[in-house]
PDB file of N, CA and C in Angstrom:
ATOM      1  N   MET A   1     -11.225  82.557 125.008  1.00  0.00           N
ATOM      2  CA  MET A   1      -9.748  81.802 124.367  1.00  0.00           C
ATOM      3  C   MET A   1      -8.876  82.797 124.166  1.00  0.00           C
ATOM      4  N   ASP A   2      -7.655  82.875 124.671  1.00  0.00           N
ATOM      5  CA  ASP A   2      -6.794  83.729 124.313  1.00  0.00           C
ATOM      6  C   ASP A   2      -6.222  83.307 123.355  1.00  0.00           C
ATOM      7  N   PRO A   3      -5.769  84.366 122.357  1.00  0.00           N
ATOM      8  CA  PRO A   3      -5.064  84.075 120.964  1.00  0.00           C
ATOM      9  C   PRO A   3      -3.390  83.877 121.556  1.00  0.00           C
ATOM     10  N   LEU A   4      -2.819  83.088 120.700  1.00  0.00           N
ATOM     11  CA  LEU A   4      -1.443  82.748 121.037  1.00  0.00           C
ATOM     12  C   LEU A   4      -0.140  83.756 119.778  1.00  0.00           C
ATOM     13  N   PHE A   5       0.793  83.931 120.047  1.00  0.00           N
ATOM     14  CA  PHE A   5       1.651  84.540 119.859  1.00  0.00           C
ATOM     15  C   PHE A   5       2.705  84.025 119.872  1.00  0.00           C
ATOM     16  N   LEU A   6       3.284  84.249 118.481  1.00  0.00           N
ATOM     17  CA  LEU A   6       5.180  83.504 118.448  1.00  0.00           C
ATOM     18  C   LEU A   6       5.836  84.452 119.033  1.00  0.00           C
ATOM     19  N   LEU A   7       6.812  84.412 119.328  1.00  0.00           N
ATOM     20  CA  LEU A   7       7.813  84.679 119.705  1.00  0.00           C
ATOM     21  C   LEU A   7       9.101  84.100 119.004  1.00  0.00           C
ATOM     22  N   LEU A   8      10.198  84.847 118.509  1.00  0.00           N
ATOM     23  CA  LEU A   8      11.606  84.378 118.409  1.00  0.00           C
ATOM     24  C   LEU A   8      12.416  85.126 119.448  1.00  0.00           C
ATOM     25  N   ARG A   9      13.578  84.007 120.303  1.00  0.00           N
ATOM     26  CA  ARG A   9      14.167  84.657 121.179  1.00  0.00           C
ATOM     27  C   ARG A   9      15.222  85.017 120.690  1.00  0.00           C
ATOM     28  N   MET A  10      16.439  85.388 121.778  1.00  0.00           N
ATOM     29  CA  MET A  10      17.277  85.705 121.272  1.00  0.00           C
ATOM     30  C   MET A  10      18.356  84.467 120.484  1.00  0.00           C
ATOM     31  N   ASP A  11      18.137  83.614 121.474  1.00  0.00           N
ATOM     32  CA  ASP A  11      18.616  82.267 121.092  1.00  0.00           C
ATOM     33  C   ASP A  11      17.876  81.600 119.943  1.00  0.00           C
ATOM     34  N   GLY A  12      17.535  82.289 119.338  1.00  0.00           N
ATOM     35  CA  GLY A  12      17.324  81.305 117.826  1.00  0.00           C
ATOM     36  C   GLY A  12      15.358  80.543 118.649  1.00  0.00           C
ATOM     37  N   GLN A  13      15.427  80.077 119.689  1.00  0.00           N
ATOM     38  CA  GLN A  13      14.461  79.260 119.972  1.00  0.00           C
ATOM     39  C   GLN A  13      12.682  79.665 119.513  1.00  0.00           C
ATOM     40  N   VAL A  14      11.838  79.377 119.251  1.00  0.00           N
ATOM     41  CA  VAL A  14      10.207  79.356 119.171  1.00  0.00           C
ATOM     42  C   VAL A  14       9.226  79.414 120.358  1.00  0.00           C
ATOM     43  N   GLU A  15       9.076  80.686 120.520  1.00  0.00           N
ATOM     44  CA  GLU A  15       8.570  80.493 121.842  1.00  0.00           C
ATOM     45  C   GLU A  15       6.581  81.344 121.871  1.00  0.00           C
ATOM     46  N   VAL A  16       5.531  79.953 121.857  1.00  0.00           N
ATOM     47  CA  VAL A  16       3.986  80.493 121.874  1.00  0.00           C
ATOM     48  C   VAL A  16       3.516  81.012 123.118  1.00  0.00           C
ATOM     49  N   THR A  17       3.278  82.189 122.999  1.00  0.00           N
ATOM     50  CA  THR A  17       3.199  82.670 124.322  1.00  0.00           C
ATOM     51  C   THR A  17       1.200  83.715 124.205  1.00  0.00           C
ATOM     52  N   ASN A  18       0.783  83.975 124.574  1.00  0.00           N
ATOM     53  CA  ASN A  18      -0.517  84.698 125.116  1.00  0.00           C
ATOM     54  C   ASN A  18      -0.529  86.141 124.877  1.00  0.00           C
ATOM     55  N   LYS A  19       0.965  86.672 125.189  1.00  0.00           N
ATOM     56  CA  LYS A  19       0.698  88.193 125.461  1.00  0.00           C
ATOM     57  C   LYS A  19       0.832  88.747 123.836  1.00  0.00           C
ATOM     58  N   GLN A  20       0.670  90.026 123.789  1.00  0.00           N
ATOM     59  CA  GLN A  20      -0.003  90.581 123.004  1.00  0.00           C
ATOM     60  C   GLN A  20       1.459  91.644 122.644  1.00  0.00           C
ATOM     61  N   PHE A  21       1.593  91.549 121.398  1.00  0.00           N
ATOM     62  CA  PHE A  21       2.405  92.713 120.626  1.00  0.00           C
ATOM     63  C   PHE A  21       1.863  93.758 120.484  1.00  0.00           C
ATOM     64  N   GLN A  22       2.785  94.842 119.550  1.00  0.00           N
ATOM     65  CA  GLN A  22       2.528  96.154 119.502  1.00  0.00           C
ATOM     66  C   GLN A  22       2.506  95.948 118.046  1.00  0.00           C
ATOM     67  N   ARG A  23       1.182  96.825 117.214  1.00  0.00           N
ATOM     68  CA  ARG A  23       1.598  96.427 116.094  1.00  0.00           C
ATOM     69  C   ARG A  23       1.680  97.887 115.400  1.00  0.00           C
ATOM     70  N   HIS A  24       2.568  97.693 114.542  1.00  0.00           N
ATOM     71  CA  HIS A  24       3.296  98.847 113.598  1.00  0.00           C
ATOM     72  C   HIS A  24       2.534  98.965 112.333  1.00  0.00           C
ATOM     73  N   LYS A  25       2.169  99.612 111.723  1.00  0.00           N
ATOM     74  CA  LYS A  25       2.229  99.973 110.072  1.00  0.00           C
ATOM     75  C   LYS A  25       2.313  99.152 109.548  1.00  0.00           C
ATOM     76  N   GLN A  26       2.757  98.522 108.996  1.00  0.00           N
ATOM     77  CA  GLN A  26       4.275  97.989 107.671  1.00  0.00           C
ATOM     78  C   GLN A  26       3.211  97.678 106.303  1.00  0.00           C
ATOM     79  N   PHE A  27       2.518  97.357 106.437  1.00  0.00           N
ATOM     80  CA  PHE A  27       2.026  96.880 105.380  1.00  0.00           C
ATOM     81  C   PHE A  27       0.192  97.676 104.767  1.00  0.00           C
ATOM     82  N   THR A  28       0.419  99.150 105.138  1.00  0.00           N
ATOM     83  CA  THR A  28      -0.572 100.072 105.259  1.00  0.00           C
ATOM     84  C   THR A  28      -0.427 100.699 103.995  1.00  0.00           C
ATOM     85  N   ARG A  29       0.505 100.879 103.111  1.00  0.00           N
ATOM     86  CA  ARG A  29       0.846 101.038 101.745  1.00  0.00           C
ATOM     87  C   ARG A  29       0.447 100.043 100.558  1.00  0.00           C
ATOM     88  N   GLU A  30       1.305  98.724 101.218  1.00  0.00           N
ATOM     89  CA  GLU A  30       0.428  98.222  99.870  1.00  0.00           C
ATOM     90  C   GLU A  30      -0.923  97.211 100.049  1.00  0.00           C
ATOM     91  N   LEU A  31      -1.470  97.906 101.076  1.00  0.00           N
ATOM     92  CA  LEU A  31      -2.756  97.029 101.021  1.00  0.00           C
ATOM     93  C   LEU A  31      -4.069  98.136 100.999  1.00  0.00           C
ATOM     94  N   SER A  32      -3.421  99.570 101.232  1.00  0.00           N
ATOM     95  CA  SER A  32      -4.111 100.480 100.403  1.00  0.00           C
ATOM     96  C   SER A  32      -4.135 100.311  98.948  1.00  0.00           C
ATOM     97  N   MET A  33      -3.355  99.550  98.753  1.00  0.00           N
ATOM     98  CA  MET A  33      -2.836  99.625  96.587  1.00  0.00           C
ATOM     99  C   MET A  33      -3.727  98.719  96.513  1.00  0.00           C
ATOM    100  N   MET A  34      -4.040  97.347  97.185  1.00  0.00           N
ATOM    101  CA  MET A  34      -4.517  95.806  96.985  1.00  0.00           C
ATOM    102  C   MET A  34      -5.897  96.465  96.710  1.00  0.00           C
ATOM    103  N   MET A  35      -6.690  97.186  97.979  1.00  0.00           N
ATOM    104  CA  MET A  35      -7.852  97.499  98.130  1.00  0.00           C
ATOM    105  C   MET A  35      -8.117  98.198  96.660  1.00  0.00           C
ATOM    106  N   TYR A  36      -7.326  99.123  96.335  1.00  0.00           N
ATOM    107  CA  TYR A  36      -7.314 100.085  95.186  1.00  0.00           C
ATOM    108  C   TYR A  36      -7.773  98.993  93.707  1.00  0.00           C
ATOM    109  N   GLY A  37      -6.969  98.377  94.032  1.00  0.00           N
ATOM    110  CA  GLY A  37      -6.747  97.354  93.106  1.00  0.00           C
ATOM    111  C   GLY A  37      -7.908  96.082  92.868  1.00  0.00           C
ATOM    112  N   PHE A  38      -9.143  96.157  93.905  1.00  0.00           N
ATOM    113  CA  PHE A  38      -9.463  95.154  94.055  1.00  0.00           C
ATOM    114  C   PHE A  38     -11.023  96.008  93.920  1.00  0.00           C
ATOM    115  N   GLY A  39     -10.644  97.233  93.501  1.00  0.00           N
ATOM    116  CA  GLY A  39     -12.227  98.294  93.538  1.00  0.00           C
ATOM    117  C   GLY A  39     -12.369  99.015  94.097  1.00  0.00           C
ATOM    118  N   ASP A  40     -11.652  99.785  95.193  1.00  0.00           N
ATOM    119  CA  ASP A  40     -12.265  99.922  96.578  1.00  0.00           C
ATOM    120  C   ASP A  40     -11.674 102.041  95.853  1.00  0.00           C
ATOM    121  N   SER A  41     -11.471 102.954  96.220  1.00  0.00           N
ATOM    122  CA  SER A  41     -11.562 104.193  95.843  1.00  0.00           C
ATOM    123  C   SER A  41      -9.891 104.204  95.945  1.00  0.00           C
ATOM    124  N   MET A  42      -9.104 105.186  95.530  1.00  0.00           N
ATOM    125  CA  MET A  42      -7.565 105.304  95.545  1.00  0.00           C
ATOM    126  C   MET A  42      -7.487 105.786  96.593  1.00  0.00           C
ATOM    127  N   SER A  43      -7.900 106.005  96.987  1.00  0.00           N
ATOM    128  CA  SER A  43      -7.005 106.220  98.620  1.00  0.00           C
ATOM    129  C   SER A  43      -8.292 105.948  99.794  1.00  0.00           C
ATOM    130  N   PRO A  44      -8.261 104.431 100.240  1.00  0.00           N
ATOM    131  CA  PRO A  44      -8.974 104.100 100.963  1.00  0.00           C
ATOM    132  C   PRO A  44      -9.377 104.265 101.877  1.00  0.00           C
ATOM    133  N   LEU A  45     -10.584 104.370 103.172  1.00  0.00           N
ATOM    134  CA  LEU A  45     -10.516 105.216 104.593  1.00  0.00           C
ATOM    135  C   LEU A  45      -8.951 104.481 105.666  1.00  0.00           C
ATOM    136  N   PRO A  46      -8.442 104.921 106.398  1.00  0.00           N
ATOM    137  CA  PRO A  46      -7.457 104.701 106.818  1.00  0.00           C
ATOM    138  C   PRO A  46      -8.097 103.672 108.131  1.00  0.00           C
ATOM    139  N   GLU A  47      -9.224 103.808 108.439  1.00  0.00           N
ATOM    140  CA  GLU A  47      -9.814 102.971 109.852  1.00  0.00           C
ATOM    141  C   GLU A  47     -10.179 101.569 108.510  1.00  0.00           C
ATOM    142  N   SER A  48      -9.865 101.495 107.467  1.00  0.00           N
ATOM    143  CA  SER A  48     -10.459 100.090 106.960  1.00  0.00           C
ATOM    144  C   SER A  48      -9.423  99.308 106.488  1.00  0.00           C
ATOM    145  N   VAL A  49      -8.261 100.043 106.329  1.00  0.00           N
ATOM    146  CA  VAL A  49      -6.822  99.767 105.873  1.00  0.00           C
ATOM    147  C   VAL A  49      -6.123  99.128 107.420  1.00  0.00           C
ATOM    148  N   ASP A  50      -6.231  99.717 108.260  1.00  0.00           N
ATOM    149  CA  ASP A  50      -6.124  99.624 109.708  1.00  0.00           C
ATOM    150  C   ASP A  50      -6.830  98.056 109.388  1.00  0.00           C
ATOM    151  N   VAL A  51      -8.346  97.817 109.737  1.00  0.00           N
ATOM    152  CA  VAL A  51      -9.122  96.621 110.088  1.00  0.00           C
ATOM    153  C   VAL A  51      -8.679  95.451 108.937  1.00  0.00           C
ATOM    154  N   LEU A  52      -8.121  95.830 107.406  1.00  0.00           N
ATOM    155  CA  LEU A  52      -7.573  95.059 107.014  1.00  0.00           C
ATOM    156  C   LEU A  52      -6.334  94.151 107.625  1.00  0.00           C
ATOM    157  N   GLU A  53      -5.188  95.400 107.856  1.00  0.00           N
ATOM    158  CA  GLU A  53      -3.657  94.587 108.372  1.00  0.00           C
ATOM    159  C   GLU A  53      -4.335  94.235 109.543  1.00  0.00           C
ATOM    160  N   ASP A  54      -4.883  94.371 110.629  1.00  0.00           N
ATOM    161  CA  ASP A  54      -4.966  93.690 111.908  1.00  0.00           C
ATOM    162  C   ASP A  54      -5.555  92.603 111.533  1.00  0.00           C
ATOM    163  N   ILE A  55      -6.415  91.817 110.698  1.00  0.00           N
ATOM    164  CA  ILE A  55      -7.063  90.750 109.873  1.00  0.00           C
ATOM    165  C   ILE A  55      -5.653  89.927 109.337  1.00  0.00           C
ATOM    166  N   LEU A  56      -4.873  90.732 108.573  1.00  0.00           N
ATOM    167  CA  LEU A  56      -3.558  89.882 108.260  1.00  0.00           C
ATOM    168  C   LEU A  56      -2.353  89.490 108.583  1.00  0.00           C
ATOM    169  N   VAL A  57      -2.554  90.496 109.731  1.00  0.00           N
ATOM    170  CA  VAL A  57      -1.486  89.655 110.894  1.00  0.00           C
ATOM    171  C   VAL A  57      -1.767  88.948 111.249  1.00  0.00           C
ATOM    172  N   ASP A  58      -3.109  88.894 111.945  1.00  0.00           N
ATOM    173  CA  ASP A  58      -4.145  87.922 112.999  1.00  0.00           C
ATOM    174  C   ASP A  58      -3.531  86.558 112.510  1.00  0.00           C
ATOM    175  N   TYR A  59      -3.582  86.391 111.023  1.00  0.00           N
ATOM    176  CA  TYR A  59      -4.294  85.250 109.941  1.00  0.00           C
ATOM    177  C   TYR A  59      -2.618  85.061 110.014  1.00  0.00           C
ATOM    178  N   ILE A  60      -1.164  85.968 109.922  1.00  0.00           N
ATOM    179  CA  ILE A  60       0.069  85.480 109.782  1.00  0.00           C
ATOM    180  C   ILE A  60       0.568  85.049 111.169  1.00  0.00           C
ATOM    181  N   ASN A  61       0.300  85.254 111.910  1.00  0.00           N
ATOM    182  CA  ASN A  61       0.890  85.228 113.783  1.00  0.00           C
ATOM    183  C   ASN A  61       0.391  83.074 113.889  1.00  0.00           C
ATOM    184  N   ASN A  62      -1.070  83.538 113.698  1.00  0.00           N
ATOM    185  CA  ASN A  62      -1.715  82.145 113.474  1.00  0.00           C
ATOM    186  C   ASN A  62      -1.337  81.313 112.797  1.00  0.00           C
ATOM    187  N   MET A  63      -1.292  81.116 111.581  1.00  0.00           N
ATOM    188  CA  MET A  63      -0.015  80.258 110.879  1.00  0.00           C
ATOM    189  C   MET A  63       0.965  80.174 111.064  1.00  0.00           C
ATOM    190  N   CYS A  64       1.964  81.253 111.792  1.00  0.00           N
ATOM    191  CA  CYS A  64       3.207  81.375 112.374  1.00  0.00           C
ATOM    192  C   CYS A  64       3.489  80.290 113.693  1.00  0.00           C
ATOM    193  N   VAL A  65       2.123  79.930 114.244  1.00  0.00           N
ATOM    194  CA  VAL A  65       1.685  79.287 115.284  1.00  0.00           C
ATOM    195  C   VAL A  65       1.453  78.004 115.298  1.00  0.00           C
ATOM    196  N   GLN A  66       0.778  77.992 114.149  1.00  0.00           N
ATOM    197  CA  GLN A  66       0.200  76.369 113.969  1.00  0.00           C
ATOM    198  C   GLN A  66       1.378  75.819 113.604  1.00  0.00           C
ATOM    199  N   ALA A  67       2.855  76.293 112.765  1.00  0.00           N
ATOM    200  CA  ALA A  67       3.425  76.143 112.158  1.00  0.00           C
ATOM    201  C   ALA A  67       4.745  75.521 113.483  1.00  0.00           C
ATOM    202  N   ALA A  68       4.472  76.537 114.137  1.00  0.00           N
ATOM    203  CA  ALA A  68       5.687  76.835 115.407  1.00  0.00           C
ATOM    204  C   ALA A  68       5.021  75.139 116.267  1.00  0.00           C
ATOM    205  N   LYS A  69       3.519  74.712 116.588  1.00  0.00           N
ATOM    206  CA  LYS A  69       3.465  73.872 117.225  1.00  0.00           C
ATOM    207  C   LYS A  69       3.534  72.159 116.517  1.00  0.00           C
ATOM    208  N   VAL A  70       3.961  72.760 115.106  1.00  0.00           N
ATOM    209  CA  VAL A  70       3.948  71.407 114.500  1.00  0.00           C
ATOM    210  C   VAL A  70       5.400  71.002 114.287  1.00  0.00           C
ATOM    211  N   SER A  71       6.021  71.917 114.377  1.00  0.00           N
ATOM    212  CA  SER A  71       7.660  71.965 114.180  1.00  0.00           C
ATOM    213  C   SER A  71       8.490  70.967 115.776  1.00  0.00           C
ATOM    214  N   GLY A  72       7.054  71.022 116.861  1.00  0.00           N
ATOM    215  CA  GLY A  72       7.387  70.376 118.644  1.00  0.00           C
ATOM    216  C   GLY A  72       8.816  70.337 118.644  1.00  0.00           C
ATOM    217  N   ARG A  73       9.445  69.607 119.043  1.00  0.00           N
ATOM    218  CA  ARG A  73      10.410  70.344 120.005  1.00  0.00           C
ATOM    219  C   ARG A  73      11.848  70.242 118.948  1.00  0.00           C
ATOM    220  N   ARG A  74      11.740  70.525 117.625  1.00  0.00           N
ATOM    221  CA  ARG A  74      12.804  71.098 116.704  1.00  0.00           C
ATOM    222  C   ARG A  74      13.338  72.146 117.627  1.00  0.00           C
ATOM    223  N   GLY A  75      12.168  73.266 117.762  1.00  0.00           N
ATOM    224  CA  GLY A  75      12.224  74.526 117.955  1.00  0.00           C
ATOM    225  C   GLY A  75      12.974  75.473 117.109  1.00  0.00           C
ATOM    226  N   LYS A  76      12.377  74.829 115.458  1.00  0.00           N
ATOM    227  CA  LYS A  76      13.490  75.444 114.378  1.00  0.00           C
ATOM    228  C   LYS A  76      11.803  75.591 113.094  1.00  0.00           C
ATOM    229  N   VAL A  77      10.983  76.626 112.846  1.00  0.00           N
ATOM    230  CA  VAL A  77      10.234  76.154 112.068  1.00  0.00           C
ATOM    231  C   VAL A  77      10.969  76.116 110.306  1.00  0.00           C
ATOM    232  N   VAL A  78      10.452  75.309 109.401  1.00  0.00           N
ATOM    233  CA  VAL A  78      10.914  75.064 108.259  1.00  0.00           C
ATOM    234  C   VAL A  78       9.661  74.909 107.266  1.00  0.00           C
ATOM    235  N   VAL A  79       9.546  75.193 106.050  1.00  0.00           N
ATOM    236  CA  VAL A  79       9.052  75.617 104.800  1.00  0.00           C
ATOM    237  C   VAL A  79       8.128  74.584 105.156  1.00  0.00           C
ATOM    238  N   ASP A  80       8.527  73.066 105.371  1.00  0.00           N
ATOM    239  CA  ASP A  80       7.551  71.865 105.507  1.00  0.00           C
ATOM    240  C   ASP A  80       6.520  71.762 106.867  1.00  0.00           C
ATOM    241  N   ASP A  81       6.543  72.936 107.719  1.00  0.00           N
ATOM    242  CA  ASP A  81       5.532  72.737 108.580  1.00  0.00           C
ATOM    243  C   ASP A  81       4.468  73.898 108.154  1.00  0.00           C
ATOM    244  N   PHE A  82       4.424  74.478 107.439  1.00  0.00           N
ATOM    245  CA  PHE A  82       3.506  75.671 106.773  1.00  0.00           C
ATOM    246  C   PHE A  82       3.357  74.772 105.736  1.00  0.00           C
ATOM    247  N   LYS A  83       4.134  73.567 104.727  1.00  0.00           N
ATOM    248  CA  LYS A  83       2.810  72.715 104.247  1.00  0.00           C
ATOM    249  C   LYS A  83       2.017  72.069 104.690  1.00  0.00           C
ATOM    250  N   PHE A  84       2.705  72.063 105.982  1.00  0.00           N
ATOM    251  CA  PHE A  84       1.681  70.572 106.591  1.00  0.00           C
ATOM    252  C   PHE A  84       0.350  71.573 107.371  1.00  0.00           C
ATOM    253  N   VAL A  85       0.918  72.170 107.602  1.00  0.00           N
ATOM    254  CA  VAL A  85      -1.098  73.393 108.316  1.00  0.00           C
ATOM    255  C   VAL A  85      -1.932  73.935 106.929  1.00  0.00           C
ATOM    256  N   LEU A  86      -1.198  73.999 105.750  1.00  0.00           N
ATOM    257  CA  LEU A  86      -1.989  74.718 104.994  1.00  0.00           C
ATOM    258  C   LEU A  86      -2.513  72.882 103.826  1.00  0.00           C
ATOM    259  N   ARG A  87      -1.998  71.739 104.573  1.00  0.00           N
ATOM    260  CA  ARG A  87      -2.160  70.474 103.365  1.00  0.00           C
ATOM    261  C   ARG A  87      -3.606  70.495 103.644  1.00  0.00           C
ATOM    262  N   LYS A  88      -4.534  70.616 103.917  1.00  0.00           N
ATOM    263  CA  LYS A  88      -6.599  71.133 103.783  1.00  0.00           C
ATOM    264  C   LYS A  88      -7.045  71.862 102.836  1.00  0.00           C
ATOM    265  N   ASP A  89      -5.734  73.137 102.658  1.00  0.00           N
ATOM    266  CA  ASP A  89      -6.457  74.189 101.779  1.00  0.00           C
ATOM    267  C   ASP A  89      -5.441  74.089 100.415  1.00  0.00           C
ATOM    268  N   THR A  90      -6.402  73.416  99.633  1.00  0.00           N
ATOM    269  CA  THR A  90      -5.585  73.351  98.408  1.00  0.00           C
ATOM    270  C   THR A  90      -5.128  74.260  97.551  1.00  0.00           C
ATOM    271  N   LYS A  91      -5.702  75.074  97.711  1.00  0.00           N
ATOM    272  CA  LYS A  91      -5.622  76.340  96.774  1.00  0.00           C
ATOM    273  C   LYS A  91      -4.219  76.475  97.708  1.00  0.00           C
ATOM    274  N   LYS A  92      -4.333  77.443  98.978  1.00  0.00           N
ATOM    275  CA  LYS A  92      -3.111  77.796  99.007  1.00  0.00           C
ATOM    276  C   LYS A  92      -1.845  77.171  99.022  1.00  0.00           C
ATOM    277  N   LEU A  93      -2.077  76.016  99.268  1.00  0.00           N
ATOM    278  CA  LEU A  93      -0.798  75.182  99.037  1.00  0.00           C
ATOM    279  C   LEU A  93      -0.303  75.055  98.186  1.00  0.00           C
ATOM    280  N   ALA A  94      -1.557  75.007  97.090  1.00  0.00           N
ATOM    281  CA  ALA A  94      -0.799  75.078  95.405  1.00  0.00           C
ATOM    282  C   ALA A  94      -0.305  76.402  95.505  1.00  0.00           C
ATOM    283  N   ARG A  95      -0.464  77.247  95.635  1.00  0.00           N
ATOM    284  CA  ARG A  95       0.136  78.392  95.554  1.00  0.00           C
ATOM    285  C   ARG A  95       1.746  79.084  96.439  1.00  0.00           C
ATOM    286  N   VAL A  96       1.384  78.200  97.211  1.00  0.00           N
ATOM    287  CA  VAL A  96       2.863  77.670  98.048  1.00  0.00           C
ATOM    288  C   VAL A  96       4.262  76.653  97.127  1.00  0.00           C
ATOM    289  N   GLU A  97       3.566  75.877  96.638  1.00  0.00           N
ATOM    290  CA  GLU A  97       4.294  75.358  95.845  1.00  0.00           C
ATOM    291  C   GLU A  97       4.562  75.879  94.923  1.00  0.00           C
ATOM    292  N   GLU A  98       3.810  76.350  94.142  1.00  0.00           N
ATOM    293  CA  GLU A  98       4.053  77.527  93.073  1.00  0.00           C
ATOM    294  C   GLU A  98       5.270  78.752  93.018  1.00  0.00           C
ATOM    295  N   LEU A  99       4.680  79.661  94.130  1.00  0.00           N
ATOM    296  CA  LEU A  99       5.801  80.328  95.037  1.00  0.00           C
ATOM    297  C   LEU A  99       7.415  79.450  95.290  1.00  0.00           C
ATOM    298  N   LEU A 100       7.595  78.576  95.399  1.00  0.00           N
ATOM    299  CA  LEU A 100       8.784  77.526  95.665  1.00  0.00           C
ATOM    300  C   LEU A 100       9.481  77.587  94.790  1.00  0.00           C
ATOM    301  N   ALA A 101       8.426  77.107  93.521  1.00  0.00           N
ATOM    302  CA  ALA A 101       9.118  76.341  92.206  1.00  0.00           C
ATOM    303  C   ALA A 101       9.210  77.695  91.618  1.00  0.00           C
ATOM    304  N   MET A 102       9.205  79.066  91.675  1.00  0.00           N
ATOM    305  CA  MET A 102       9.265  79.793  91.230  1.00  0.00           C
ATOM    306  C   MET A 102      10.690  80.545  91.887  1.00  0.00           C
ATOM    307  N   ASN A 103      10.542  80.186  93.106  1.00  0.00           N
ATOM    308  CA  ASN A 103      12.177  80.919  93.433  1.00  0.00           C
ATOM    309  C   ASN A 103      12.885  80.081  93.427  1.00  0.00           C
ATOM    310  N   LYS A 104      12.580  78.676  93.117  1.00  0.00           N
ATOM    311  CA  LYS A 104      14.003  77.805  92.930  1.00  0.00           C
ATOM    312  C   LYS A 104      14.561  78.106  91.358  1.00  0.00           C
ATOM    313  N   GLU A 105      13.653  78.248  90.379  1.00  0.00           N
ATOM    314  CA  GLU A 105      13.814  78.988  89.191  1.00  0.00           C
ATOM    315  C   GLU A 105      15.045  80.111  89.370  1.00  0.00           C
ATOM    316  N   ILE A 106      14.464  81.377  90.286  1.00  0.00           N
ATOM    317  CA  ILE A 106      14.962  82.411  90.147  1.00  0.00           C
ATOM    318  C   ILE A 106      16.274  82.087  90.737  1.00  0.00           C
ATOM    319  N   GLU A 107      15.807  81.366  91.743  1.00  0.00           N
ATOM    320  CA  GLU A 107      18.030  81.120  92.511  1.00  0.00           C
ATOM    321  C   GLU A 107      18.768  80.563  90.654  1.00  0.00           C
ATOM    322  N   VAL A 108      18.192  79.575  90.216  1.00  0.00           N
ATOM    323  CA  VAL A 108      19.003  78.518  89.780  1.00  0.00           C
ATOM    324  C   VAL A 108      19.604  79.804  88.200  1.00  0.00           C
ATOM    325  N   ALA A 109      18.609  80.821  87.942  1.00  0.00           N
ATOM    326  CA  ALA A 109      19.031  82.002  86.739  1.00  0.00           C
ATOM    327  C   ALA A 109      20.015  82.865  87.803  1.00  0.00           C
ATOM    328  N   ARG A 110      20.031  82.585  88.732  1.00  0.00           N
ATOM    329  CA  ARG A 110      21.196  84.577  89.822  1.00  0.00           C
ATOM    330  C   ARG A 110      22.149  83.404  89.440  1.00  0.00           C
ATOM    331  N   ALA A 111      22.515  81.743  89.506  1.00  0.00           N
ATOM    332  CA  ALA A 111      23.538  81.486  89.481  1.00  0.00           C
ATOM    333  C   ALA A 111      23.947  81.190  88.368  1.00  0.00           C
ATOM    334  N   MET A 112      23.540  81.098  87.158  1.00  0.00           N
ATOM    335  CA  MET A 112      23.934  81.159  86.252  1.00  0.00           C
ATOM    336  C   MET A 112      24.590  82.363  85.471  1.00  0.00           C
ATOM    337  N   ILE A 113      24.160  83.476  85.708  1.00  0.00           N
ATOM    338  CA  ILE A 113      24.459  84.976  85.739  1.00  0.00           C
ATOM    339  C   ILE A 113      25.819  85.013  85.631  1.00  0.00           C
ATOM    340  N   GLN A 114      25.974  84.473  87.472  1.00  0.00           N
ATOM    341  CA  GLN A 114      27.510  84.848  88.124  1.00  0.00           C
ATOM    342  C   GLN A 114      28.185  83.583  88.075  1.00  0.00           C
TER     343      GLN A 114
END
């Protein structure tokens, strides 16, 4: 089965396709620091970081494709679509809820400062 990819068109519509996109090393620095934090060497092999980045990008893409499928005809993916996709993974869902609550607290704190 070919992997599915999520494309955001210029008109704002979401399109699911099986077309491969070109990867850019966006998370290399962060992933190498995380690998060091989890016990790898201070400068891990670039191949190891690349493999981990491929896994990460594939996971994020798959989550977005699943959320886009859940969104259906709306054509717009919302946070609740991601929550629905994660409903069976209680740890990840709890982390999403925690991050959303923290985000609201930060927004309230910023509003109080201004």
